[in-house]
Amino acid sequence: MIELFGLGHAPTYEIDEFTKEHPKIKEAITLLCKKMPVIGAPQTIYGRIQMNVYSPGRELIEIGVLGNNADMTPETAFIKLAWLLSNFKKEEIKELIAKNFRGEISERTEPEEIFLI
């Protein structure tokens, strides 16, 4: 389980001298996705990750990070992944991680949930 920021991004691009290590992060995530299911969860309290909006998120989907369009907290995503790993085959987890079992994923995000009106 990894915590993503923004719309579901991780630091994976080198853009200056301070980000030289970022491609190594992407490489490590890629290797991990080949070994086991990896789910991304938002760092924010409210809102869902939309990994299809920009290239960094789409690349995470391509390398195998699960969790797009989910609004599970990192703690919930961690427990759900642990439960799925102990009860299902790895092949089934990709589909089941997006399934709402006990209200851990909202069907819809209402404006008052985001803006705390």
PDB file of N, CA and C in Angstrom:
ATOM      1  N   MET A   1       0.854  -1.154   0.000  1.00  0.00           N
ATOM      2  CA  MET A   1       0.000   0.000   0.000  1.00  0.00           C
ATOM      3  C   MET A   1       0.907   1.226   0.000  1.00  0.00           C
ATOM      4  N   ILE A   2       0.634   2.144  -0.923  1.00  0.00           N
ATOM      5  CA  ILE A   2       1.390   3.390  -0.956  1.00  0.00           C
ATOM      6  C   ILE A   2       0.423   4.566  -0.916  1.00  0.00           C
ATOM      7  N   GLU A   3       0.844   5.610  -0.234  1.00  0.00           N
ATOM      8  CA  GLU A   3       0.046   6.828  -0.182  1.00  0.00           C
ATOM      9  C   GLU A   3       0.413   7.708  -1.359  1.00  0.00           C
ATOM     10  N   LEU A   4      -0.611   8.101  -2.114  1.00  0.00           N
ATOM     11  CA  LEU A   4      -0.408   8.942  -3.286  1.00  0.00           C
ATOM     12  C   LEU A   4      -0.870  10.361  -2.971  1.00  0.00           C
ATOM     13  N   PHE A   5      -0.354  11.326  -3.703  1.00  0.00           N
ATOM     14  CA  PHE A   5      -0.782  12.703  -3.475  1.00  0.00           C
ATOM     15  C   PHE A   5      -1.430  13.269  -4.717  1.00  0.00           C
ATOM     16  N   GLY A   6      -2.046  14.446  -4.556  1.00  0.00           N
ATOM     17  CA  GLY A   6      -2.725  15.079  -5.681  1.00  0.00           C
ATOM     18  C   GLY A   6      -3.842  14.200  -6.186  1.00  0.00           C
ATOM     19  N   LEU A   7      -3.830  13.945  -7.462  1.00  0.00           N
ATOM     20  CA  LEU A   7      -4.854  13.125  -8.095  1.00  0.00           C
ATOM     21  C   LEU A   7      -4.472  11.650  -8.137  1.00  0.00           C
ATOM     22  N   GLY A   8      -3.443  11.284  -7.428  1.00  0.00           N
ATOM     23  CA  GLY A   8      -2.994   9.899  -7.412  1.00  0.00           C
ATOM     24  C   GLY A   8      -1.618   9.760  -8.004  1.00  0.00           C
ATOM     25  N   HIS A   9      -0.732  10.648  -7.618  1.00  0.00           N
ATOM     26  CA  HIS A   9       0.634  10.642  -8.154  1.00  0.00           C
ATOM     27  C   HIS A   9       1.638  10.292  -7.066  1.00  0.00           C
ATOM     28  N   ALA A  10       2.796   9.875  -7.517  1.00  0.00           N
ATOM     29  CA  ALA A  10       3.935   9.615  -6.643  1.00  0.00           C
ATOM     30  C   ALA A  10       5.138  10.316  -7.271  1.00  0.00           C
ATOM     31  N   PRO A  11       6.161  10.591  -6.494  1.00  0.00           N
ATOM     32  CA  PRO A  11       7.347  11.260  -7.060  1.00  0.00           C
ATOM     33  C   PRO A  11       8.142  10.307  -7.944  1.00  0.00           C
ATOM     34  N   THR A  12       7.881  10.350  -9.251  1.00  0.00           N
ATOM     35  CA  THR A  12       8.508   9.407 -10.175  1.00  0.00           C
ATOM     36  C   THR A  12       9.300  10.075 -11.294  1.00  0.00           C
ATOM     37  N   TYR A  13       9.269  11.396 -11.385  1.00  0.00           N
ATOM     38  CA  TYR A  13       9.968  12.104 -12.458  1.00  0.00           C
ATOM     39  C   TYR A  13      11.144  12.915 -11.929  1.00  0.00           C
ATOM     40  N   GLU A  14      12.236  12.893 -12.664  1.00  0.00           N
ATOM     41  CA  GLU A  14      13.371  13.759 -12.353  1.00  0.00           C
ATOM     42  C   GLU A  14      13.171  15.070 -13.113  1.00  0.00           C
ATOM     43  N   ILE A  15      13.066  16.167 -12.353  1.00  0.00           N
ATOM     44  CA  ILE A  15      12.882  17.467 -12.999  1.00  0.00           C
ATOM     45  C   ILE A  15      13.984  18.461 -12.664  1.00  0.00           C
ATOM     46  N   ASP A  16      14.762  18.165 -11.639  1.00  0.00           N
ATOM     47  CA  ASP A  16      15.866  19.051 -11.275  1.00  0.00           C
ATOM     48  C   ASP A  16      16.851  18.280 -10.394  1.00  0.00           C
ATOM     49  N   GLU A  17      17.823  18.973  -9.862  1.00  0.00           N
ATOM     50  CA  GLU A  17      18.851  18.308  -9.053  1.00  0.00           C
ATOM     51  C   GLU A  17      18.306  17.717  -7.755  1.00  0.00           C
ATOM     52  N   PHE A  18      17.152  18.210  -7.300  1.00  0.00           N
ATOM     53  CA  PHE A  18      16.575  17.730  -6.051  1.00  0.00           C
ATOM     54  C   PHE A  18      15.696  16.499  -6.241  1.00  0.00           C
ATOM     55  N   THR A  19      15.425  16.142  -7.480  1.00  0.00           N
ATOM     56  CA  THR A  19      14.532  15.012  -7.753  1.00  0.00           C
ATOM     57  C   THR A  19      15.236  13.872  -8.492  1.00  0.00           C
ATOM     58  N   LYS A  20      16.537  13.793  -8.373  1.00  0.00           N
ATOM     59  CA  LYS A  20      17.312  12.772  -9.082  1.00  0.00           C
ATOM     60  C   LYS A  20      16.960  11.353  -8.645  1.00  0.00           C
ATOM     61  N   GLU A  21      16.470  11.194  -7.438  1.00  0.00           N
ATOM     62  CA  GLU A  21      16.134   9.867  -6.922  1.00  0.00           C
ATOM     63  C   GLU A  21      14.741   9.403  -7.345  1.00  0.00           C
ATOM     64  N   HIS A  22      13.930  10.291  -7.870  1.00  0.00           N
ATOM     65  CA  HIS A  22      12.545   9.944  -8.181  1.00  0.00           C
ATOM     66  C   HIS A  22      12.391   8.790  -9.166  1.00  0.00           C
ATOM     67  N   PRO A  23      13.176   8.706 -10.234  1.00  0.00           N
ATOM     68  CA  PRO A  23      13.035   7.533 -11.112  1.00  0.00           C
ATOM     69  C   PRO A  23      13.302   6.209 -10.396  1.00  0.00           C
ATOM     70  N   LYS A  24      14.127   6.242  -9.363  1.00  0.00           N
ATOM     71  CA  LYS A  24      14.376   5.025  -8.584  1.00  0.00           C
ATOM     72  C   LYS A  24      13.129   4.606  -7.811  1.00  0.00           C
ATOM     73  N   ILE A  25      12.344   5.586  -7.402  1.00  0.00           N
ATOM     74  CA  ILE A  25      11.078   5.272  -6.716  1.00  0.00           C
ATOM     75  C   ILE A  25      10.151   4.554  -7.680  1.00  0.00           C
ATOM     76  N   LYS A  26      10.043   5.070  -8.896  1.00  0.00           N
ATOM     77  CA  LYS A  26       9.195   4.426  -9.912  1.00  0.00           C
ATOM     78  C   LYS A  26       9.677   3.008 -10.196  1.00  0.00           C
ATOM     79  N   GLU A  27      10.970   2.834 -10.300  1.00  0.00           N
ATOM     80  CA  GLU A  27      11.539   1.507 -10.544  1.00  0.00           C
ATOM     81  C   GLU A  27      11.206   0.546  -9.402  1.00  0.00           C
ATOM     82  N   ALA A  28      11.292   1.025  -8.167  1.00  0.00           N
ATOM     83  CA  ALA A  28      10.978   0.186  -7.010  1.00  0.00           C
ATOM     84  C   ALA A  28       9.498  -0.188  -6.984  1.00  0.00           C
ATOM     85  N   ILE A  29       8.622   0.760  -7.315  1.00  0.00           N
ATOM     86  CA  ILE A  29       7.187   0.470  -7.364  1.00  0.00           C
ATOM     87  C   ILE A  29       6.900  -0.550  -8.464  1.00  0.00           C
ATOM     88  N   THR A  30       7.556  -0.404  -9.604  1.00  0.00           N
ATOM     89  CA  THR A  30       7.376  -1.344 -10.717  1.00  0.00           C
ATOM     90  C   THR A  30       7.769  -2.758 -10.303  1.00  0.00           C
ATOM     91  N   LEU A  31       8.911  -2.898  -9.654  1.00  0.00           N
ATOM     92  CA  LEU A  31       9.362  -4.223  -9.200  1.00  0.00           C
ATOM     93  C   LEU A  31       8.403  -4.810  -8.175  1.00  0.00           C
ATOM     94  N   LEU A  32       7.927  -3.980  -7.271  1.00  0.00           N
ATOM     95  CA  LEU A  32       6.995  -4.446  -6.249  1.00  0.00           C
ATOM     96  C   LEU A  32       5.682  -4.915  -6.872  1.00  0.00           C
ATOM     97  N   CYS A  33       5.179  -4.171  -7.879  1.00  0.00           N
ATOM     98  CA  CYS A  33       3.930  -4.552  -8.551  1.00  0.00           C
ATOM     99  C   CYS A  33       4.055  -5.889  -9.264  1.00  0.00           C
ATOM    100  N   LYS A  34       5.264  -6.256  -9.680  1.00  0.00           N
ATOM    101  CA  LYS A  34       5.476  -7.546 -10.335  1.00  0.00           C
ATOM    102  C   LYS A  34       5.435  -8.697  -9.334  1.00  0.00           C
ATOM    103  N   LYS A  35       5.733  -8.387  -8.075  1.00  0.00           N
ATOM    104  CA  LYS A  35       5.778  -9.421  -7.041  1.00  0.00           C
ATOM    105  C   LYS A  35       4.459  -9.605  -6.316  1.00  0.00           C
ATOM    106  N   MET A  36       3.719  -8.506  -6.120  1.00  0.00           N
ATOM    107  CA  MET A  36       2.499  -8.574  -5.327  1.00  0.00           C
ATOM    108  C   MET A  36       1.563  -7.431  -5.686  1.00  0.00           C
ATOM    109  N   PRO A  37       0.293  -7.507  -5.288  1.00  0.00           N
ATOM    110  CA  PRO A  37      -0.621  -6.397  -5.538  1.00  0.00           C
ATOM    111  C   PRO A  37      -0.202  -5.163  -4.730  1.00  0.00           C
ATOM    112  N   VAL A  38      -0.249  -4.010  -5.369  1.00  0.00           N
ATOM    113  CA  VAL A  38       0.078  -2.737  -4.717  1.00  0.00           C
ATOM    114  C   VAL A  38      -1.116  -1.820  -4.909  1.00  0.00           C
ATOM    115  N   ILE A  39      -1.629  -1.288  -3.819  1.00  0.00           N
ATOM    116  CA  ILE A  39      -2.763  -0.379  -3.896  1.00  0.00           C
ATOM    117  C   ILE A  39      -2.319   1.019  -3.487  1.00  0.00           C
ATOM    118  N   GLY A  40      -2.817   2.003  -4.210  1.00  0.00           N
ATOM    119  CA  GLY A  40      -2.568   3.394  -3.871  1.00  0.00           C
ATOM    120  C   GLY A  40      -3.769   3.961  -3.146  1.00  0.00           C
ATOM    121  N   ALA A  41      -3.521   4.804  -2.171  1.00  0.00           N
ATOM    122  CA  ALA A  41      -4.592   5.458  -1.425  1.00  0.00           C
ATOM    123  C   ALA A  41      -4.251   6.939  -1.295  1.00  0.00           C
ATOM    124  N   PRO A  42      -5.259   7.792  -1.202  1.00  0.00           N
ATOM    125  CA  PRO A  42      -4.983   9.231  -1.102  1.00  0.00           C
ATOM    126  C   PRO A  42      -4.427   9.612   0.268  1.00  0.00           C
ATOM    127  N   GLN A  43      -3.557  10.612   0.285  1.00  0.00           N
ATOM    128  CA  GLN A  43      -3.053  11.145   1.545  1.00  0.00           C
ATOM    129  C   GLN A  43      -4.075  12.065   2.200  1.00  0.00           C
ATOM    130  N   THR A  44      -5.032  12.533   1.426  1.00  0.00           N
ATOM    131  CA  THR A  44      -6.019  13.484   1.932  1.00  0.00           C
ATOM    132  C   THR A  44      -7.091  12.772   2.738  1.00  0.00           C
ATOM    133  N   ILE A  45      -7.753  13.516   3.608  1.00  0.00           N
ATOM    134  CA  ILE A  45      -8.829  12.949   4.416  1.00  0.00           C
ATOM    135  C   ILE A  45     -10.070  12.726   3.566  1.00  0.00           C
ATOM    136  N   TYR A  46     -10.344  13.679   2.661  1.00  0.00           N
ATOM    137  CA  TYR A  46     -11.517  13.592   1.791  1.00  0.00           C
ATOM    138  C   TYR A  46     -11.077  13.559   0.338  1.00  0.00           C
ATOM    139  N   GLY A  47     -11.847  12.893  -0.464  1.00  0.00           N
ATOM    140  CA  GLY A  47     -11.595  12.874  -1.893  1.00  0.00           C
ATOM    141  C   GLY A  47     -11.034  11.553  -2.363  1.00  0.00           C
ATOM    142  N   ARG A  48     -11.211  11.332  -3.646  1.00  0.00           N
ATOM    143  CA  ARG A  48     -10.746  10.088  -4.238  1.00  0.00           C
ATOM    144  C   ARG A  48      -9.604  10.361  -5.196  1.00  0.00           C
ATOM    145  N   ILE A  49      -8.817   9.345  -5.440  1.00  0.00           N
ATOM    146  CA  ILE A  49      -7.717   9.519  -6.382  1.00  0.00           C
ATOM    147  C   ILE A  49      -8.236   9.273  -7.797  1.00  0.00           C
ATOM    148  N   GLN A  50      -7.790  10.111  -8.711  1.00  0.00           N
ATOM    149  CA  GLN A  50      -8.159  10.031 -10.126  1.00  0.00           C
ATOM    150  C   GLN A  50      -6.867   9.889 -10.929  1.00  0.00           C
ATOM    151  N   MET A  51      -6.367   8.697 -11.031  1.00  0.00           N
ATOM    152  CA  MET A  51      -5.057   8.472 -11.628  1.00  0.00           C
ATOM    153  C   MET A  51      -5.049   8.616 -13.147  1.00  0.00           C
ATOM    154  N   ASN A  52      -6.206   8.759 -13.774  1.00  0.00           N
ATOM    155  CA  ASN A  52      -6.272   8.894 -15.230  1.00  0.00           C
ATOM    156  C   ASN A  52      -6.118  10.327 -15.726  1.00  0.00           C
ATOM    157  N   VAL A  53      -6.048  11.304 -14.860  1.00  0.00           N
ATOM    158  CA  VAL A  53      -6.045  12.705 -15.278  1.00  0.00           C
ATOM    159  C   VAL A  53      -4.716  13.115 -15.919  1.00  0.00           C
ATOM    160  N   TYR A  54      -3.594  12.807 -15.282  1.00  0.00           N
ATOM    161  CA  TYR A  54      -2.282  13.216 -15.780  1.00  0.00           C
ATOM    162  C   TYR A  54      -1.383  11.994 -15.983  1.00  0.00           C
ATOM    163  N   SER A  55      -0.325  12.200 -16.753  1.00  0.00           N
ATOM    164  CA  SER A  55       0.602  11.115 -17.102  1.00  0.00           C
ATOM    165  C   SER A  55       1.179  10.361 -15.902  1.00  0.00           C
ATOM    166  N   PRO A  56       1.607  11.052 -14.824  1.00  0.00           N
ATOM    167  CA  PRO A  56       2.182  10.291 -13.700  1.00  0.00           C
ATOM    168  C   PRO A  56       1.220   9.251 -13.120  1.00  0.00           C
ATOM    169  N   GLY A  57      -0.042   9.616 -13.011  1.00  0.00           N
ATOM    170  CA  GLY A  57      -1.022   8.662 -12.507  1.00  0.00           C
ATOM    171  C   GLY A  57      -1.281   7.530 -13.479  1.00  0.00           C
ATOM    172  N   ARG A  58      -1.383   7.856 -14.759  1.00  0.00           N
ATOM    173  CA  ARG A  58      -1.599   6.819 -15.775  1.00  0.00           C
ATOM    174  C   ARG A  58      -0.432   5.843 -15.813  1.00  0.00           C
ATOM    175  N   GLU A  59       0.773   6.359 -15.624  1.00  0.00           N
ATOM    176  CA  GLU A  59       1.940   5.467 -15.597  1.00  0.00           C
ATOM    177  C   GLU A  59       1.899   4.533 -14.402  1.00  0.00           C
ATOM    178  N   LEU A  60       1.414   5.016 -13.268  1.00  0.00           N
ATOM    179  CA  LEU A  60       1.275   4.133 -12.108  1.00  0.00           C
ATOM    180  C   LEU A  60       0.269   3.025 -12.387  1.00  0.00           C
ATOM    181  N   ILE A  61      -0.815   3.357 -13.070  1.00  0.00           N
ATOM    182  CA  ILE A  61      -1.795   2.334 -13.452  1.00  0.00           C
ATOM    183  C   ILE A  61      -1.139   1.318 -14.379  1.00  0.00           C
ATOM    184  N   GLU A  62      -0.373   1.804 -15.354  1.00  0.00           N
ATOM    185  CA  GLU A  62       0.287   0.909 -16.316  1.00  0.00           C
ATOM    186  C   GLU A  62       1.261  -0.057 -15.649  1.00  0.00           C
ATOM    187  N   ILE A  63       1.956   0.407 -14.606  1.00  0.00           N
ATOM    188  CA  ILE A  63       2.911  -0.497 -13.956  1.00  0.00           C
ATOM    189  C   ILE A  63       2.234  -1.423 -12.949  1.00  0.00           C
ATOM    190  N   GLY A  64       0.929  -1.174 -12.677  1.00  0.00           N
ATOM    191  CA  GLY A  64       0.189  -2.122 -11.851  1.00  0.00           C
ATOM    192  C   GLY A  64      -0.361  -1.618 -10.537  1.00  0.00           C
ATOM    193  N   VAL A  65      -0.256  -0.335 -10.245  1.00  0.00           N
ATOM    194  CA  VAL A  65      -0.798   0.185  -8.981  1.00  0.00           C
ATOM    195  C   VAL A  65      -2.321   0.196  -9.071  1.00  0.00           C
ATOM    196  N   LEU A  66      -2.975  -0.378  -8.079  1.00  0.00           N
ATOM    197  CA  LEU A  66      -4.430  -0.472  -8.012  1.00  0.00           C
ATOM    198  C   LEU A  66      -4.989   0.674  -7.169  1.00  0.00           C
ATOM    199  N   GLY A  67      -6.292   0.867  -7.222  1.00  0.00           N
ATOM    200  CA  GLY A  67      -6.939   1.831  -6.344  1.00  0.00           C
ATOM    201  C   GLY A  67      -7.476   3.065  -7.033  1.00  0.00           C
ATOM    202  N   ASN A  68      -7.375   3.137  -8.358  1.00  0.00           N
ATOM    203  CA  ASN A  68      -7.886   4.306  -9.063  1.00  0.00           C
ATOM    204  C   ASN A  68      -9.377   4.493  -8.780  1.00  0.00           C
ATOM    205  N   ASN A  69      -9.786   5.730  -8.572  1.00  0.00           N
ATOM    206  CA  ASN A  69     -11.169   6.138  -8.290  1.00  0.00           C
ATOM    207  C   ASN A  69     -11.659   5.724  -6.907  1.00  0.00           C
ATOM    208  N   ALA A  70     -10.793   5.274  -6.047  1.00  0.00           N
ATOM    209  CA  ALA A  70     -11.194   4.894  -4.688  1.00  0.00           C
ATOM    210  C   ALA A  70     -10.944   6.053  -3.730  1.00  0.00           C
ATOM    211  N   ASP A  71     -11.709   6.091  -2.666  1.00  0.00           N
ATOM    212  CA  ASP A  71     -11.514   7.113  -1.645  1.00  0.00           C
ATOM    213  C   ASP A  71     -11.285   6.499  -0.267  1.00  0.00           C
ATOM    214  N   MET A  72     -10.692   5.325  -0.256  1.00  0.00           N
ATOM    215  CA  MET A  72     -10.367   4.685   1.024  1.00  0.00           C
ATOM    216  C   MET A  72      -9.215   5.423   1.695  1.00  0.00           C
ATOM    217  N   THR A  73      -9.285   5.517   2.992  1.00  0.00           N
ATOM    218  CA  THR A  73      -8.146   6.075   3.710  1.00  0.00           C
ATOM    219  C   THR A  73      -6.988   5.089   3.611  1.00  0.00           C
ATOM    220  N   PRO A  74      -5.753   5.558   3.786  1.00  0.00           N
ATOM    221  CA  PRO A  74      -4.618   4.633   3.728  1.00  0.00           C
ATOM    222  C   PRO A  74      -4.745   3.477   4.716  1.00  0.00           C
ATOM    223  N   GLU A  75      -5.244   3.769   5.891  1.00  0.00           N
ATOM    224  CA  GLU A  75      -5.382   2.714   6.909  1.00  0.00           C
ATOM    225  C   GLU A  75      -6.380   1.648   6.461  1.00  0.00           C
ATOM    226  N   THR A  76      -7.484   2.088   5.886  1.00  0.00           N
ATOM    227  CA  THR A  76      -8.497   1.158   5.395  1.00  0.00           C
ATOM    228  C   THR A  76      -7.955   0.342   4.224  1.00  0.00           C
ATOM    229  N   ALA A  77      -7.257   1.011   3.303  1.00  0.00           N
ATOM    230  CA  ALA A  77      -6.682   0.313   2.152  1.00  0.00           C
ATOM    231  C   ALA A  77      -5.681  -0.752   2.604  1.00  0.00           C
ATOM    232  N   PHE A  78      -4.888  -0.434   3.618  1.00  0.00           N
ATOM    233  CA  PHE A  78      -3.902  -1.385   4.140  1.00  0.00           C
ATOM    234  C   PHE A  78      -4.588  -2.635   4.707  1.00  0.00           C
ATOM    235  N   ILE A  79      -5.596  -2.424   5.539  1.00  0.00           N
ATOM    236  CA  ILE A  79      -6.305  -3.550   6.154  1.00  0.00           C
ATOM    237  C   ILE A  79      -7.048  -4.360   5.091  1.00  0.00           C
ATOM    238  N   LYS A  80      -7.675  -3.664   4.132  1.00  0.00           N
ATOM    239  CA  LYS A  80      -8.395  -4.369   3.073  1.00  0.00           C
ATOM    240  C   LYS A  80      -7.436  -5.224   2.247  1.00  0.00           C
ATOM    241  N   LEU A  81      -6.287  -4.663   1.898  1.00  0.00           N
ATOM    242  CA  LEU A  81      -5.305  -5.422   1.124  1.00  0.00           C
ATOM    243  C   LEU A  81      -4.809  -6.633   1.913  1.00  0.00           C
ATOM    244  N   ALA A  82      -4.549  -6.453   3.201  1.00  0.00           N
ATOM    245  CA  ALA A  82      -4.098  -7.577   4.034  1.00  0.00           C
ATOM    246  C   ALA A  82      -5.169  -8.673   4.080  1.00  0.00           C
ATOM    247  N   TRP A  83      -6.428  -8.270   4.227  1.00  0.00           N
ATOM    248  CA  TRP A  83      -7.520  -9.240   4.269  1.00  0.00           C
ATOM    249  C   TRP A  83      -7.652  -9.966   2.934  1.00  0.00           C
ATOM    250  N   LEU A  84      -7.581  -9.209   1.832  1.00  0.00           N
ATOM    251  CA  LEU A  84      -7.682  -9.834   0.514  1.00  0.00           C
ATOM    252  C   LEU A  84      -6.534 -10.802   0.264  1.00  0.00           C
ATOM    253  N   LEU A  85      -5.325 -10.411   0.651  1.00  0.00           N
ATOM    254  CA  LEU A  85      -4.166 -11.282   0.450  1.00  0.00           C
ATOM    255  C   LEU A  85      -4.286 -12.588   1.232  1.00  0.00           C
ATOM    256  N   SER A  86      -4.922 -12.530   2.391  1.00  0.00           N
ATOM    257  CA  SER A  86      -5.026 -13.734   3.208  1.00  0.00           C
ATOM    258  C   SER A  86      -6.234 -14.605   2.856  1.00  0.00           C
ATOM    259  N   ASN A  87      -7.142 -14.088   2.027  1.00  0.00           N
ATOM    260  CA  ASN A  87      -8.357 -14.839   1.714  1.00  0.00           C
ATOM    261  C   ASN A  87      -8.590 -15.147   0.233  1.00  0.00           C
ATOM    262  N   PHE A  88      -7.815 -14.518  -0.650  1.00  0.00           N
ATOM    263  CA  PHE A  88      -8.044 -14.701  -2.079  1.00  0.00           C
ATOM    264  C   PHE A  88      -6.727 -14.875  -2.814  1.00  0.00           C
ATOM    265  N   LYS A  89      -6.824 -15.378  -4.029  1.00  0.00           N
ATOM    266  CA  LYS A  89      -5.646 -15.505  -4.879  1.00  0.00           C
ATOM    267  C   LYS A  89      -5.260 -14.135  -5.417  1.00  0.00           C
ATOM    268  N   LYS A  90      -3.970 -13.968  -5.709  1.00  0.00           N
ATOM    269  CA  LYS A  90      -3.473 -12.678  -6.203  1.00  0.00           C
ATOM    270  C   LYS A  90      -4.225 -12.214  -7.445  1.00  0.00           C
ATOM    271  N   GLU A  91      -4.604 -13.132  -8.307  1.00  0.00           N
ATOM    272  CA  GLU A  91      -5.303 -12.772  -9.536  1.00  0.00           C
ATOM    273  C   GLU A  91      -6.673 -12.153  -9.256  1.00  0.00           C
ATOM    274  N   GLU A  92      -7.306 -12.550  -8.170  1.00  0.00           N
ATOM    275  CA  GLU A  92      -8.633 -12.053  -7.828  1.00  0.00           C
ATOM    276  C   GLU A  92      -8.587 -10.669  -7.170  1.00  0.00           C
ATOM    277  N   ILE A  93      -7.465 -10.314  -6.603  1.00  0.00           N
ATOM    278  CA  ILE A  93      -7.370  -9.084  -5.821  1.00  0.00           C
ATOM    279  C   ILE A  93      -7.557  -7.842  -6.672  1.00  0.00           C
ATOM    280  N   LYS A  94      -7.087  -7.862  -7.906  1.00  0.00           N
ATOM    281  CA  LYS A  94      -7.215  -6.694  -8.776  1.00  0.00           C
ATOM    282  C   LYS A  94      -8.676  -6.263  -8.911  1.00  0.00           C
ATOM    283  N   GLU A  95      -9.559  -7.214  -9.038  1.00  0.00           N
ATOM    284  CA  GLU A  95     -10.986  -6.899  -9.151  1.00  0.00           C
ATOM    285  C   GLU A  95     -11.609  -6.609  -7.791  1.00  0.00           C
ATOM    286  N   LEU A  96     -11.229  -7.363  -6.790  1.00  0.00           N
ATOM    287  CA  LEU A  96     -11.854  -7.235  -5.471  1.00  0.00           C
ATOM    288  C   LEU A  96     -11.449  -5.963  -4.724  1.00  0.00           C
ATOM    289  N   ILE A  97     -10.269  -5.418  -5.011  1.00  0.00           N
ATOM    290  CA  ILE A  97      -9.830  -4.210  -4.301  1.00  0.00           C
ATOM    291  C   ILE A  97     -10.763  -3.039  -4.604  1.00  0.00           C
ATOM    292  N   ALA A  98     -11.397  -3.053  -5.778  1.00  0.00           N
ATOM    293  CA  ALA A  98     -12.306  -1.971  -6.171  1.00  0.00           C
ATOM    294  C   ALA A  98     -13.743  -2.228  -5.715  1.00  0.00           C
ATOM    295  N   LYS A  99     -14.000  -3.396  -5.146  1.00  0.00           N
ATOM    296  CA  LYS A  99     -15.346  -3.729  -4.686  1.00  0.00           C
ATOM    297  C   LYS A  99     -15.586  -3.141  -3.301  1.00  0.00           C
ATOM    298  N   ASN A 100     -16.757  -2.588  -3.118  1.00  0.00           N
ATOM    299  CA  ASN A 100     -17.134  -2.013  -1.830  1.00  0.00           C
ATOM    300  C   ASN A 100     -17.766  -3.105  -0.966  1.00  0.00           C
ATOM    301  N   PHE A 101     -17.031  -3.577   0.034  1.00  0.00           N
ATOM    302  CA  PHE A 101     -17.535  -4.649   0.900  1.00  0.00           C
ATOM    303  C   PHE A 101     -18.337  -4.128   2.086  1.00  0.00           C
ATOM    304  N   ARG A 102     -17.812  -3.128   2.779  1.00  0.00           N
ATOM    305  CA  ARG A 102     -18.411  -2.651   4.027  1.00  0.00           C
ATOM    306  C   ARG A 102     -18.487  -1.128   4.111  1.00  0.00           C
ATOM    307  N   GLY A 103     -18.633  -0.467   2.976  1.00  0.00           N
ATOM    308  CA  GLY A 103     -18.731   0.984   2.988  1.00  0.00           C
ATOM    309  C   GLY A 103     -17.384   1.686   2.992  1.00  0.00           C
ATOM    310  N   GLU A 104     -16.325   0.947   2.661  1.00  0.00           N
ATOM    311  CA  GLU A 104     -14.992   1.546   2.666  1.00  0.00           C
ATOM    312  C   GLU A 104     -14.725   2.410   1.437  1.00  0.00           C
ATOM    313  N   ILE A 105     -15.535   2.228   0.394  1.00  0.00           N
ATOM    314  CA  ILE A 105     -15.433   3.056  -0.810  1.00  0.00           C
ATOM    315  C   ILE A 105     -16.789   3.719  -1.022  1.00  0.00           C
ATOM    316  N   SER A 106     -16.789   5.028  -1.138  1.00  0.00           N
ATOM    317  CA  SER A 106     -18.039   5.748  -1.378  1.00  0.00           C
ATOM    318  C   SER A 106     -18.482   5.550  -2.816  1.00  0.00           C
ATOM    319  N   GLU A 107     -19.777   5.374  -2.992  1.00  0.00           N
ATOM    320  CA  GLU A 107     -20.318   5.274  -4.340  1.00  0.00           C
ATOM    321  C   GLU A 107     -20.211   6.621  -5.048  1.00  0.00           C
ATOM    322  N   ARG A 108     -20.349   7.679  -4.289  1.00  0.00           N
ATOM    323  CA  ARG A 108     -20.363   9.026  -4.845  1.00  0.00           C
ATOM    324  C   ARG A 108     -19.844   9.986  -3.790  1.00  0.00           C
ATOM    325  N   THR A 109     -19.103  10.991  -4.220  1.00  0.00           N
ATOM    326  CA  THR A 109     -18.612  12.011  -3.303  1.00  0.00           C
ATOM    327  C   THR A 109     -19.455  13.262  -3.478  1.00  0.00           C
ATOM    328  N   GLU A 110     -20.147  13.658  -2.426  1.00  0.00           N
ATOM    329  CA  GLU A 110     -20.996  14.851  -2.457  1.00  0.00           C
ATOM    330  C   GLU A 110     -20.176  16.083  -2.131  1.00  0.00           C
ATOM    331  N   PRO A 111     -20.551  17.254  -2.668  1.00  0.00           N
ATOM    332  CA  PRO A 111     -19.793  18.492  -2.417  1.00  0.00           C
ATOM    333  C   PRO A 111     -19.585  18.794  -0.943  1.00  0.00           C
ATOM    334  N   GLU A 112     -20.591  18.561  -0.123  1.00  0.00           N
ATOM    335  CA  GLU A 112     -20.448  18.867   1.314  1.00  0.00           C
ATOM    336  C   GLU A 112     -19.421  17.957   1.991  1.00  0.00           C
ATOM    337  N   GLU A 113     -19.133  16.807   1.406  1.00  0.00           N
ATOM    338  CA  GLU A 113     -18.104  15.932   1.943  1.00  0.00           C
ATOM    339  C   GLU A 113     -16.712  16.444   1.637  1.00  0.00           C
ATOM    340  N   ILE A 114     -16.581  17.211   0.575  1.00  0.00           N
ATOM    341  CA  ILE A 114     -15.290  17.719   0.160  1.00  0.00           C
ATOM    342  C   ILE A 114     -14.988  19.066   0.805  1.00  0.00           C
ATOM    343  N   PHE A 115     -15.966  19.970   0.769  1.00  0.00           N
ATOM    344  CA  PHE A 115     -15.735  21.344   1.196  1.00  0.00           C
ATOM    345  C   PHE A 115     -16.116  21.611   2.635  1.00  0.00           C
ATOM    346  N   LEU A 116     -16.679  20.646   3.313  1.00  0.00           N
ATOM    347  CA  LEU A 116     -17.075  20.798   4.724  1.00  0.00           C
ATOM    348  C   LEU A 116     -17.889  22.057   4.936  1.00  0.00           C
ATOM    349  N   ILE A 117     -18.968  22.178   4.170  1.00  0.00           N
ATOM    350  CA  ILE A 117     -19.843  23.364   4.234  1.00  0.00           C
ATOM    351  C   ILE A 117     -20.582  23.397   5.545  1.00  0.00           C
TER     352      ILE A 117
END
